[in-house]
Amino acid sequence: MTNQTGRLFTLVIKLVPAALLCLSCACFAASGWPESIATSGRPLSQIAYRPNRDTFGIMTKVLTPLVRPSRPFLSAKVPSVLDRAYSSNHSSRQSCPSSCRCIRSYEIRCRFQQLDQVPRDLPSGFTKINLSYNKLKVIPPEAFTKSKATLRSLFLQSNEIETLRGPELAMLRNLESLRLSWNQISAIFKMTVRSLTGLTRLYLDHNKINFIHPHAFRGLTKLKLLQLEGNKLSQLHPDTFVTIRFSKFFR
């Protein structure tokens, strides 16, 4: 008799959760979801873990072990701004030349790579390109075409560039900083940098410059810094810096 009583007690204990579950479901069928849950817009798994002291507290405790997932579910993930930025970053890394490092959509860094020519597959949309400390001698006219609208800084210092006549950089009208220090440039011609009307900083120091065309800097009204030390200049035409001088005067 004692054994039968014990078995009956065990059976009742096992049936109580199921009975409570059925009772909770019946309550929901009769009255609907509580407003605090129906309007929350969150997955059921998150609701089950939230402390709840309303009339459905018993239901929450009963459902918790039943709906607890191994990972979040019942919700669709909308790609965030960071996700899209990562995707963009990932795609730009995929198209980055093997000798360079592409940092987000900001900089293409190809310095100290012993490059003797500009990589042909430079991706587009970058604001800074760093090709310093290489062995570049010639800059092709189409080298930076893909980033002509976004490029703001171009680093070409410490290479072996001998000549820049103008077509190489003519399309970079939004360029603000150009570094050509420590090259082998011997002359600044009329159109070498004249088309770079957005230029504010120009570094031409430590080259072999012995001639600057009188109109080389004409039209560069935004130029604030020009470095020419360490060259072989012995004289300059009086009109060489006329644009810069008048620009500063009228300010």
Protein backbone atom coordinates (compact mmCIF):
# COMPACT_ATOMS: atom_id res chain seq x y z
CA MET A 1 0.00 0.00 0.00
CA THR A 2 2.84 2.33 0.83
CA ASN A 3 4.49 1.65 -2.51
CA GLN A 4 1.28 2.45 -4.38
CA THR A 5 0.91 5.72 -2.47
CA GLY A 6 4.48 6.68 -3.31
CA ARG A 7 3.98 5.95 -7.00
CA LEU A 8 0.77 7.98 -7.04
CA PHE A 9 2.54 10.91 -5.37
CA THR A 10 5.36 10.76 -7.94
CA LEU A 11 2.87 10.71 -10.80
CA VAL A 12 1.06 13.76 -9.42
CA ILE A 13 4.36 15.66 -9.11
CA LYS A 14 5.17 14.91 -12.76
CA LEU A 15 1.73 15.97 -13.96
CA VAL A 16 1.63 19.32 -12.14
CA PRO A 17 3.87 21.24 -14.67
CA ALA A 18 1.88 19.87 -17.56
CA ALA A 19 -1.37 20.88 -15.88
CA LEU A 20 -0.05 24.38 -15.23
CA LEU A 21 1.05 24.65 -18.85
CA CYS A 22 -2.39 23.66 -20.09
CA LEU A 23 -3.98 26.12 -17.69
CA SER A 24 -1.71 28.92 -18.94
CA CYS A 25 -2.51 28.15 -22.56
CA ALA A 26 -6.21 28.18 -21.74
CA CYS A 27 -5.81 31.58 -20.12
CA PHE A 28 -4.10 32.96 -23.21
CA ALA A 29 -6.80 31.54 -25.46
CA ALA A 30 -9.47 33.27 -23.38
CA SER A 31 -7.86 36.64 -22.74
CA GLY A 32 -5.10 37.01 -25.36
CA TRP A 33 -1.51 38.05 -24.81
CA PRO A 34 -0.76 40.61 -22.13
CA GLU A 35 -0.32 44.09 -23.58
CA SER A 36 3.20 44.36 -22.14
CA ILE A 37 4.23 41.29 -24.13
CA ALA A 38 2.15 41.76 -27.27
CA THR A 39 3.56 45.22 -27.95
CA SER A 40 7.15 44.59 -26.94
CA GLY A 41 8.25 43.32 -30.35
CA ARG A 42 10.94 41.12 -28.76
CA PRO A 43 11.57 37.38 -29.16
CA LEU A 44 9.74 35.07 -26.74
CA SER A 45 13.06 33.83 -25.39
CA GLN A 46 13.91 37.34 -24.18
CA ILE A 47 10.49 37.83 -22.62
CA ALA A 48 10.77 34.56 -20.67
CA TYR A 49 13.98 35.72 -18.98
CA ARG A 50 12.58 39.16 -18.03
CA PRO A 51 11.33 39.30 -14.41
CA ASN A 52 7.57 39.41 -14.57
CA ARG A 53 5.28 40.03 -11.60
CA ASP A 54 2.00 40.27 -13.45
CA THR A 55 -0.79 37.71 -13.41
CA PHE A 56 1.12 35.53 -15.86
CA GLY A 57 4.17 35.11 -13.66
CA ILE A 58 3.44 31.42 -13.23
CA MET A 59 3.28 30.92 -16.99
CA THR A 60 6.65 32.66 -17.41
CA LYS A 61 8.31 30.38 -14.90
CA VAL A 62 6.80 27.29 -16.51
CA LEU A 63 7.73 28.26 -20.08
CA THR A 64 11.27 29.38 -19.26
CA PRO A 65 12.88 25.90 -19.35
CA LEU A 66 10.81 24.97 -22.38
CA VAL A 67 11.60 27.92 -24.65
CA ARG A 68 15.19 28.58 -23.60
CA PRO A 69 17.12 28.38 -26.88
CA SER A 70 20.76 27.54 -27.48
CA ARG A 71 20.96 30.73 -29.56
CA PRO A 72 18.54 33.64 -30.21
CA PHE A 73 15.68 32.85 -32.53
CA LEU A 74 12.25 34.09 -33.58
CA SER A 75 13.76 37.40 -34.69
CA ALA A 76 15.16 38.59 -38.00
CA LYS A 77 18.44 40.47 -37.86
CA VAL A 78 18.53 43.71 -39.84
CA PRO A 79 22.05 44.63 -41.05
CA SER A 80 23.35 47.55 -39.04
CA VAL A 81 25.54 50.43 -40.20
CA LEU A 82 28.57 48.63 -38.77
CA ASP A 83 27.68 45.47 -40.68
CA ARG A 84 27.49 47.43 -43.92
CA ALA A 85 30.77 49.18 -43.12
CA TYR A 86 32.42 45.83 -42.51
CA SER A 87 31.09 44.49 -45.79
CA SER A 88 32.45 47.52 -47.60
CA ASN A 89 35.75 47.18 -45.80
CA HIS A 90 35.89 43.49 -46.62
CA SER A 91 35.22 44.07 -50.31
CA SER A 92 37.88 46.80 -50.50
CA ARG A 93 40.40 44.48 -48.86
CA GLN A 94 39.56 41.86 -51.46
CA SER A 95 40.40 44.25 -54.31
CA CYS A 96 43.49 45.68 -52.62
CA PRO A 97 46.82 45.04 -54.43
CA SER A 98 48.99 42.40 -52.79
CA SER A 99 51.78 44.92 -52.19
CA CYS A 100 49.46 47.37 -50.42
CA ARG A 101 47.24 47.62 -47.40
CA CYS A 102 43.79 49.16 -47.77
CA ILE A 103 42.47 50.74 -44.58
CA ARG A 104 38.68 50.92 -44.83
CA SER A 105 37.83 53.48 -47.52
CA TYR A 106 40.41 55.90 -46.18
CA GLU A 107 43.95 54.98 -47.17
CA ILE A 108 45.81 52.79 -49.64
CA ARG A 109 49.22 52.23 -48.06
CA CYS A 110 51.97 50.84 -50.32
CA ARG A 111 55.12 52.24 -48.71
CA PHE A 112 58.45 50.40 -48.29
CA GLN A 113 57.59 47.84 -50.97
CA GLN A 114 60.43 48.45 -53.45
CA LEU A 115 57.85 49.24 -56.12
CA ASP A 116 59.20 50.47 -59.45
CA GLN A 117 55.76 51.25 -60.85
CA VAL A 118 52.38 52.29 -59.48
CA PRO A 119 50.09 49.27 -58.97
CA ARG A 120 47.56 49.13 -61.78
CA ASP A 121 44.69 47.71 -59.74
CA LEU A 122 44.35 50.44 -57.11
CA PRO A 123 40.71 50.41 -55.87
CA SER A 124 38.47 53.46 -56.05
CA GLY A 125 36.91 55.72 -53.44
CA PHE A 126 39.95 56.33 -51.21
CA THR A 127 40.97 59.70 -49.79
CA LYS A 128 44.67 58.98 -49.22
CA ILE A 129 47.24 57.06 -51.26
CA ASN A 130 50.68 56.49 -49.78
CA LEU A 131 53.38 55.28 -52.21
CA SER A 132 56.35 56.71 -50.35
CA TYR A 133 59.73 55.00 -49.90
CA ASN A 134 59.69 53.01 -53.11
CA LYS A 135 61.58 53.16 -56.41
CA LEU A 136 59.03 54.87 -58.62
CA LYS A 137 60.52 56.77 -61.54
CA VAL A 138 57.43 57.47 -63.66
CA ILE A 139 53.81 58.23 -62.73
CA PRO A 140 51.42 57.13 -65.50
CA PRO A 141 48.63 59.63 -66.34
CA GLU A 142 45.93 57.06 -65.50
CA ALA A 143 47.51 55.90 -62.23
CA PHE A 144 44.98 57.52 -59.88
CA THR A 145 41.96 57.83 -62.17
CA LYS A 146 39.73 55.61 -60.02
CA SER A 147 40.07 57.89 -56.99
CA LYS A 148 40.19 61.22 -58.79
CA ALA A 149 36.95 62.43 -57.17
CA THR A 150 37.78 61.39 -53.59
CA LEU A 151 41.57 61.64 -53.31
CA ARG A 152 42.71 64.34 -50.86
CA SER A 153 46.30 63.33 -49.98
CA LEU A 154 48.95 61.79 -52.22
CA PHE A 155 52.30 60.73 -50.75
CA LEU A 156 55.07 60.16 -53.30
CA GLN A 157 58.10 61.23 -51.25
CA SER A 158 61.36 59.27 -51.18
CA ASN A 159 61.11 57.75 -54.64
CA GLU A 160 63.16 58.27 -57.82
CA ILE A 161 60.73 60.44 -59.79
CA GLU A 162 62.57 62.64 -62.28
CA THR A 163 59.86 64.40 -64.26
CA LEU A 164 56.26 65.54 -63.75
CA ARG A 165 54.88 67.55 -66.64
CA GLY A 166 51.22 67.76 -65.64
CA PRO A 167 49.10 65.02 -67.24
CA GLU A 168 50.10 62.61 -64.46
CA LEU A 169 48.12 64.58 -61.86
CA ALA A 170 45.80 66.69 -63.99
CA MET A 171 42.60 64.87 -62.98
CA LEU A 172 43.17 65.28 -59.21
CA ARG A 173 41.33 68.57 -58.81
CA ASN A 174 40.21 67.77 -55.26
CA LEU A 175 43.72 66.97 -54.05
CA GLU A 176 44.70 69.00 -50.99
CA SER A 177 48.14 67.66 -50.04
CA LEU A 178 50.90 66.52 -52.39
CA ARG A 179 54.22 65.23 -51.08
CA LEU A 180 57.06 64.99 -53.62
CA SER A 181 60.01 65.47 -51.25
CA TRP A 182 63.25 63.52 -51.69
CA ASN A 183 62.93 62.63 -55.37
CA GLN A 184 65.01 63.48 -58.44
CA ILE A 185 62.80 66.21 -59.89
CA SER A 186 64.82 68.84 -61.75
CA ALA A 187 62.12 71.23 -63.01
CA ILE A 188 58.60 72.38 -62.23
CA PHE A 189 56.92 73.04 -65.56
CA LYS A 190 53.97 75.28 -66.29
CA MET A 191 51.37 72.48 -65.91
CA THR A 192 53.09 70.23 -63.37
CA VAL A 193 50.73 71.21 -60.54
CA ARG A 194 48.73 74.06 -62.04
CA SER A 195 45.54 72.01 -62.47
CA LEU A 196 45.52 71.10 -58.75
CA THR A 197 43.36 74.06 -57.78
CA GLY A 198 42.33 72.56 -54.43
CA LEU A 199 45.93 72.18 -53.24
CA THR A 200 46.72 73.60 -49.77
CA ARG A 201 50.08 71.90 -49.05
CA LEU A 202 52.83 71.20 -51.58
CA TYR A 203 56.12 69.56 -50.60
CA LEU A 204 58.91 69.85 -53.22
CA ASP A 205 61.89 69.98 -50.87
CA HIS A 206 65.09 67.97 -51.28
CA ASN A 207 64.94 67.41 -55.01
CA LYS A 208 67.21 68.70 -57.78
CA ILE A 209 64.98 71.54 -58.89
CA ASN A 210 66.88 74.28 -60.73
CA PHE A 211 63.96 75.75 -62.70
CA ILE A 212 60.37 76.75 -61.85
CA HIS A 213 58.14 78.10 -64.59
CA PRO A 214 56.85 81.62 -63.74
CA HIS A 215 53.23 80.40 -64.08
CA ALA A 216 53.69 77.06 -62.33
CA PHE A 217 51.72 78.10 -59.23
CA ARG A 218 49.27 80.48 -60.89
CA GLY A 219 45.68 79.75 -59.86
CA LEU A 220 46.61 77.87 -56.69
CA THR A 221 44.75 80.32 -54.48
CA LYS A 222 44.26 77.84 -51.64
CA LEU A 223 47.95 77.05 -51.24
CA LYS A 224 49.10 77.68 -47.66
CA LEU A 225 52.34 75.72 -47.48
CA LEU A 226 55.07 75.38 -50.11
CA GLN A 227 58.37 73.73 -49.24
CA LEU A 228 61.31 74.22 -51.61
CA GLU A 229 64.39 73.88 -49.40
CA GLY A 230 67.18 71.50 -50.36
CA ASN A 231 67.04 72.17 -54.11
CA LYS A 232 69.39 73.81 -56.63
CA LEU A 233 67.50 77.04 -57.24
CA SER A 234 69.69 80.05 -57.85
CA GLN A 235 67.05 82.52 -59.05
CA LEU A 236 63.29 82.81 -59.53
CA HIS A 237 61.14 84.88 -61.85
CA PRO A 238 59.43 87.78 -60.01
CA ASP A 239 55.99 86.46 -60.96
CA THR A 240 56.57 82.93 -59.68
CA PHE A 241 54.57 83.44 -56.49
CA VAL A 242 52.24 86.17 -57.73
CA THR A 243 49.06 84.15 -57.06
CA ILE A 244 50.12 83.17 -53.56
CA ARG A 245 51.19 86.71 -52.70
CA PHE A 246 47.98 88.35 -53.93
CA SER A 247 45.87 85.65 -52.29
CA LYS A 248 47.40 86.34 -48.91
CA PHE A 249 47.22 90.09 -49.43
CA PHE A 250 43.49 90.15 -50.12
CA ARG A 251 42.75 87.94 -47.14
